[in-house]
C-alpha atoms as a PDB file:
ATOM      1  CA  MET A   1       5.569  38.939 -27.060  1.00  0.00           C
ATOM      2  CA  ARG A   2       5.746  35.764 -29.173  1.00  0.00           C
ATOM      3  CA  ILE A   3       8.743  34.563 -27.185  1.00  0.00           C
ATOM      4  CA  VAL A   4       6.882  35.086 -23.918  1.00  0.00           C
ATOM      5  CA  MET A   5       3.802  33.285 -25.272  1.00  0.00           C
ATOM      6  CA  LYS A   6       5.961  30.382 -26.463  1.00  0.00           C
ATOM      7  CA  MET A   7       7.630  30.168 -23.053  1.00  0.00           C
ATOM      8  CA  VAL A   8       4.260  30.247 -21.253  1.00  0.00           C
ATOM      9  CA  LEU A   9       2.931  27.609 -23.641  1.00  0.00           C
ATOM     10  CA  LEU A  10       6.035  25.442 -23.196  1.00  0.00           C
ATOM     11  CA  ALA A  11       5.827  25.850 -19.422  1.00  0.00           C
ATOM     12  CA  ALA A  12       2.151  24.831 -19.459  1.00  0.00           C
ATOM     13  CA  ILE A  13       2.899  21.820 -21.657  1.00  0.00           C
ATOM     14  CA  GLY A  14       5.841  20.857 -19.445  1.00  0.00           C
ATOM     15  CA  LEU A  15       3.738  21.171 -16.297  1.00  0.00           C
ATOM     16  CA  SER A  16       0.932  19.144 -17.855  1.00  0.00           C
ATOM     17  CA  TRP A  17       3.397  16.481 -18.947  1.00  0.00           C
ATOM     18  CA  ALA A  18       4.948  16.360 -15.473  1.00  0.00           C
ATOM     19  CA  MET A  19       1.514  16.047 -13.876  1.00  0.00           C
ATOM     20  CA  LEU A  20       0.645  13.247 -16.279  1.00  0.00           C
ATOM     21  CA  VAL A  21       3.934  11.329 -15.997  1.00  0.00           C
ATOM     22  CA  ALA A  22       4.683  11.849 -12.282  1.00  0.00           C
ATOM     23  CA  PRO A  23       1.628   9.975 -10.980  1.00  0.00           C
ATOM     24  CA  ARG A  24       2.383   7.091 -13.330  1.00  0.00           C
ATOM     25  CA  ALA A  25       6.015   7.009 -12.205  1.00  0.00           C
ATOM     26  CA  LYS A  26       4.902   7.266  -8.588  1.00  0.00           C
ATOM     27  CA  ALA A  27       2.320   4.527  -9.127  1.00  0.00           C
ATOM     28  CA  ALA A  28       4.925   2.272 -10.761  1.00  0.00           C
ATOM     29  CA  SER A  29       7.311   2.880  -7.870  1.00  0.00           C
ATOM     30  CA  GLU A  30       4.500   2.174  -5.416  1.00  0.00           C
ATOM     31  CA  LEU A  31       3.718  -1.119  -7.151  1.00  0.00           C
ATOM     32  CA  GLN A  32       7.397  -2.091  -6.997  1.00  0.00           C
ATOM     33  CA  ASN A  33       7.360  -1.313  -3.266  1.00  0.00           C
ATOM     34  CA  HIS A  34       4.280  -3.525  -2.919  1.00  0.00           C
ATOM     35  CA  ASP A  35       6.089  -6.320  -4.766  1.00  0.00           C
ATOM     36  CA  SER A  36       9.072  -6.023  -2.455  1.00  0.00           C
ATOM     37  CA  ALA A  37       6.907  -5.911   0.682  1.00  0.00           C
ATOM     38  CA  PHE A  38       4.894  -8.931  -0.453  1.00  0.00           C
ATOM     39  CA  SER A  39       8.113 -10.834  -1.198  1.00  0.00           C
ATOM     40  CA  VAL A  40       9.405 -10.224   2.324  1.00  0.00           C
ATOM     41  CA  LEU A  41       6.029 -11.025   3.878  1.00  0.00           C
ATOM     42  CA  ILE A  42       5.528 -14.303   2.000  1.00  0.00           C
ATOM     43  CA  THR A  43       9.133 -15.363   2.684  1.00  0.00           C
ATOM     44  CA  ALA A  44       8.836 -14.599   6.395  1.00  0.00           C
ATOM     45  CA  PHE A  45       5.517 -16.460   6.565  1.00  0.00           C
ATOM     46  CA  ALA A  46       7.056 -19.482   4.830  1.00  0.00           C
ATOM     47  CA  GLU A  47      10.094 -19.497   7.124  1.00  0.00           C
ATOM     48  CA  VAL A  48       8.043 -19.195  10.317  1.00  0.00           C
ATOM     49  CA  GLN A  49       5.567 -21.884   9.264  1.00  0.00           C
ATOM     50  CA  THR A  50       8.344 -24.233   8.127  1.00  0.00           C
ATOM     51  CA  SER A  51      10.113 -23.715  11.432  1.00  0.00           C
ATOM     52  CA  LEU A  52       6.933 -24.550  13.359  1.00  0.00           C
ATOM     53  CA  ILE A  53       6.392 -27.686  11.280  1.00  0.00           C
ATOM     54  CA  GLU A  54       9.996 -28.823  11.813  1.00  0.00           C
ATOM     55  CA  ASN A  55       9.845 -28.134  15.558  1.00  0.00           C
ATOM     56  CA  ASP A  56       6.637 -30.156  15.871  1.00  0.00           C
ATOM     57  CA  TYR A  57       8.210 -32.954  13.843  1.00  0.00           C
ATOM     58  CA  GLN A  58      11.282 -33.095  16.098  1.00  0.00           C
ATOM     59  CA  THR A  59       9.120 -33.039  19.235  1.00  0.00           C
ATOM     60  CA  ARG A  60       7.051 -35.940  17.940  1.00  0.00           C
ATOM     61  CA  GLN A  61      10.181 -37.883  16.990  1.00  0.00           C
ATOM     62  CA  GLN A  62      11.566 -37.436  20.488  1.00  0.00           C
ATOM     63  CA  ALA A  63       8.263 -38.554  21.993  1.00  0.00           C
ATOM     64  CA  ALA A  64       8.192 -41.592  19.689  1.00  0.00           C
ATOM     65  CA  ALA A  65      11.718 -42.534  20.764  1.00  0.00           C
ATOM     66  CA  SER A  66      10.414 -43.189  24.271  1.00  0.00           C
ATOM     67  CA  ILE A  67       7.992 -45.883  23.040  1.00  0.00           C
ATOM     68  CA  GLN A  68       9.312 -49.300  24.095  1.00  0.00           C
ATOM     69  CA  ASP A  69       7.557 -51.496  21.540  1.00  0.00           C
ATOM     70  CA  TYR A  70       9.557 -51.488  18.300  1.00  0.00           C
ATOM     71  CA  GLN A  71       6.595 -51.910  15.906  1.00  0.00           C
ATOM     72  CA  THR A  72       4.558 -49.239  17.647  1.00  0.00           C
ATOM     73  CA  ARG A  73       7.525 -46.876  17.651  1.00  0.00           C
ATOM     74  CA  GLN A  74       8.091 -47.453  13.917  1.00  0.00           C
ATOM     75  CA  HIS A  75       4.388 -46.887  13.231  1.00  0.00           C
ATOM     76  CA  VAL A  76       4.395 -43.626  15.204  1.00  0.00           C
ATOM     77  CA  LEU A  77       7.562 -42.454  13.419  1.00  0.00           C
ATOM     78  CA  LYS A  78       5.944 -43.207  10.061  1.00  0.00           C
ATOM     79  CA  LEU A  79       2.825 -41.247  11.074  1.00  0.00           C
ATOM     80  CA  THR A  80       5.023 -38.391  12.237  1.00  0.00           C
ATOM     81  CA  GLU A  81       6.772 -38.325   8.851  1.00  0.00           C
ATOM     82  CA  GLN A  82       3.431 -38.389   7.019  1.00  0.00           C
ATOM     83  CA  GLU A  83       2.082 -35.532   9.126  1.00  0.00           C
ATOM     84  CA  ARG A  84       5.177 -33.444   8.396  1.00  0.00           C
ATOM     85  CA  GLU A  85       4.917 -34.094   4.649  1.00  0.00           C
ATOM     86  CA  LEU A  86       1.203 -33.230   4.603  1.00  0.00           C
ATOM     87  CA  ARG A  87       1.780 -30.008   6.531  1.00  0.00           C
ATOM     88  CA  LEU A  88       4.610 -28.985   4.187  1.00  0.00           C
ATOM     89  CA  ARG A  89       2.424 -29.703   1.139  1.00  0.00           C
ATOM     90  CA  LYS A  90      -0.408 -27.682   2.673  1.00  0.00           C
ATOM     91  CA  LEU A  91       1.996 -24.799   3.338  1.00  0.00           C
ATOM     92  CA  ASN A  92       3.247 -24.909  -0.260  1.00  0.00           C
ATOM     93  CA  ARG A  93      -0.337 -24.840  -1.524  1.00  0.00           C
ATOM     94  CA  GLN A  94      -1.135 -21.876   0.754  1.00  0.00           C
ATOM     95  CA  LEU A  95       1.942 -20.011  -0.478  1.00  0.00           C
ATOM     96  CA  ALA A  96       0.979 -20.669  -4.101  1.00  0.00           C
ATOM     97  CA  GLU A  97      -2.589 -19.459  -3.455  1.00  0.00           C
ATOM     98  CA  LEU A  98      -1.397 -16.319  -1.665  1.00  0.00           C
ATOM     99  CA  SER A  99       1.027 -15.572  -4.492  1.00  0.00           C
ATOM    100  CA  ALA A 100      -1.660 -16.109  -7.137  1.00  0.00           C
ATOM    101  CA  ALA A 101      -4.044 -13.807  -5.267  1.00  0.00           C
ATOM    102  CA  TYR A 102      -1.354 -11.148  -4.991  1.00  0.00           C
ATOM    103  CA  VAL A 103      -0.429 -11.359  -8.682  1.00  0.00           C
ATOM    104  CA  HIS A 104      -4.098 -11.090  -9.667  1.00  0.00           C
ATOM    105  CA  SER A 105      -4.595  -8.074  -7.395  1.00  0.00           C
ATOM    106  CA  ARG A 106      -1.351  -6.533  -8.639  1.00  0.00           C
ATOM    107  CA  GLN A 107      -2.442  -6.903 -12.285  1.00  0.00           C
ATOM    108  CA  SER A 108      -5.680  -5.115 -11.469  1.00  0.00           C
ATOM    109  CA  ASP A 109      -3.784  -2.253  -9.777  1.00  0.00           C
ATOM    110  CA  ALA A 110      -1.316  -2.055 -12.652  1.00  0.00           C
ATOM    111  CA  ARG A 111      -4.129  -1.764 -15.202  1.00  0.00           C
ATOM    112  CA  LYS A 112      -5.726   1.065 -13.210  1.00  0.00           C
ATOM    113  CA  ASN A 113      -2.413   2.940 -13.150  1.00  0.00           C
ATOM    114  CA  GLY A 114      -1.476   2.241 -16.747  1.00  0.00           C
ATOM    115  CA  ASP A 115       1.553   0.209 -15.682  1.00  0.00           C
ATOM    116  CA  HIS A 116       2.200  -2.876 -17.783  1.00  0.00           C
ATOM    117  CA  HIS A 117       5.070  -4.348 -15.746  1.00  0.00           C
ATOM    118  CA  PRO A 118       4.273  -7.772 -14.305  1.00  0.00           C
ATOM    119  CA  ALA A 119       4.475  -8.424 -10.580  1.00  0.00           C
ATOM    120  CA  LYS A 120       7.983  -9.265  -9.489  1.00  0.00           C
ATOM    121  CA  VAL A 121       7.986 -11.407  -6.366  1.00  0.00           C
ATOM    122  CA  ASP A 122      11.695 -11.945  -5.673  1.00  0.00           C
ATOM    123  CA  ILE A 123      12.096 -14.582  -2.971  1.00  0.00           C
ATOM    124  CA  GLN A 124      15.929 -14.621  -3.077  1.00  0.00           C
ATOM    125  CA  ASP A 125      16.094 -10.861  -2.506  1.00  0.00           C
ATOM    126  CA  ALA A 126      13.522 -11.149   0.282  1.00  0.00           C
ATOM    127  CA  GLU A 127      15.577 -13.884   1.966  1.00  0.00           C
ATOM    128  CA  LYS A 128      18.629 -11.616   1.880  1.00  0.00           C
ATOM    129  CA  LYS A 129      16.611  -8.803   3.467  1.00  0.00           C
ATOM    130  CA  LEU A 130      15.245 -11.126   6.139  1.00  0.00           C
ATOM    131  CA  ASN A 131      18.758 -12.264   7.060  1.00  0.00           C
ATOM    132  CA  GLY A 132      19.455  -8.696   8.139  1.00  0.00           C
ATOM    133  CA  PHE A 133      16.369  -8.484  10.344  1.00  0.00           C
ATOM    134  CA  VAL A 134      16.624  -8.868  14.091  1.00  0.00           C
ATOM    135  CA  ILE A 135      13.834 -10.803  15.758  1.00  0.00           C
ATOM    136  CA  VAL A 136      12.509  -9.048  18.818  1.00  0.00           C
ATOM    137  CA  GLU A 137      10.416 -11.089  21.194  1.00  0.00           C
ATOM    138  CA  THR A 138       7.734  -9.444  23.221  1.00  0.00           C
ATOM    139  CA  ALA A 139       8.016  -9.626  26.962  1.00  0.00           C
ATOM    140  CA  THR A 140       5.441  -9.110  29.625  1.00  0.00           C
ATOM    141  CA  ILE A 141       6.141  -6.117  31.788  1.00  0.00           C
ATOM    142  CA  GLN A 142       5.292  -6.969  35.342  1.00  0.00           C
ATOM    143  CA  THR A 143       4.218  -4.142  37.583  1.00  0.00           C
ATOM    144  CA  ASN A 144       4.685  -4.091  41.343  1.00  0.00           C
ATOM    145  CA  GLN A 145       0.961  -4.663  41.793  1.00  0.00           C
ATOM    146  CA  ASP A 146       1.075  -7.760  39.543  1.00  0.00           C
ATOM    147  CA  ALA A 147       4.048  -9.118  41.502  1.00  0.00           C
ATOM    148  CA  GLU A 148       2.220  -8.651  44.815  1.00  0.00           C
ATOM    149  CA  GLU A 149      -0.870 -10.428  43.465  1.00  0.00           C
ATOM    150  CA  GLU A 150       1.265 -13.383  42.357  1.00  0.00           C
ATOM    151  CA  ARG A 151       2.813 -13.686  45.826  1.00  0.00           C
ATOM    152  CA  ARG A 152      -0.626 -14.041  47.420  1.00  0.00           C
END
């Protein structure tokens, strides 16, 4: 009888321990997943925005090249460079603010779950993951009715 009681008691303690530890382990894993997802998101945002800024810069440089007056062309090129630098600084500030907001939110979630691991935003790992992604562009599906309306 004592052996059975000890086994029941040990089973109850083991189950209680598992119920106590499992949510914490699950919560810690969930927070790590959040860190990884945020890393990919912030890296993708930075890459897309940087690409847009660079494309705009190149377009403006090409437009400035068509200006005949040398001084005006140089002035426009200087303004183009300044605009690019300001936009890149603004993007860096936005990225820093988004990261700070995430870290603050993550600390709050970690305290609730009893996890004391700091947020780990790994940009290099996120860049590696993004290199494996395939960009899919959306296309407009044209129906027969749409095609007939365009012909009219």
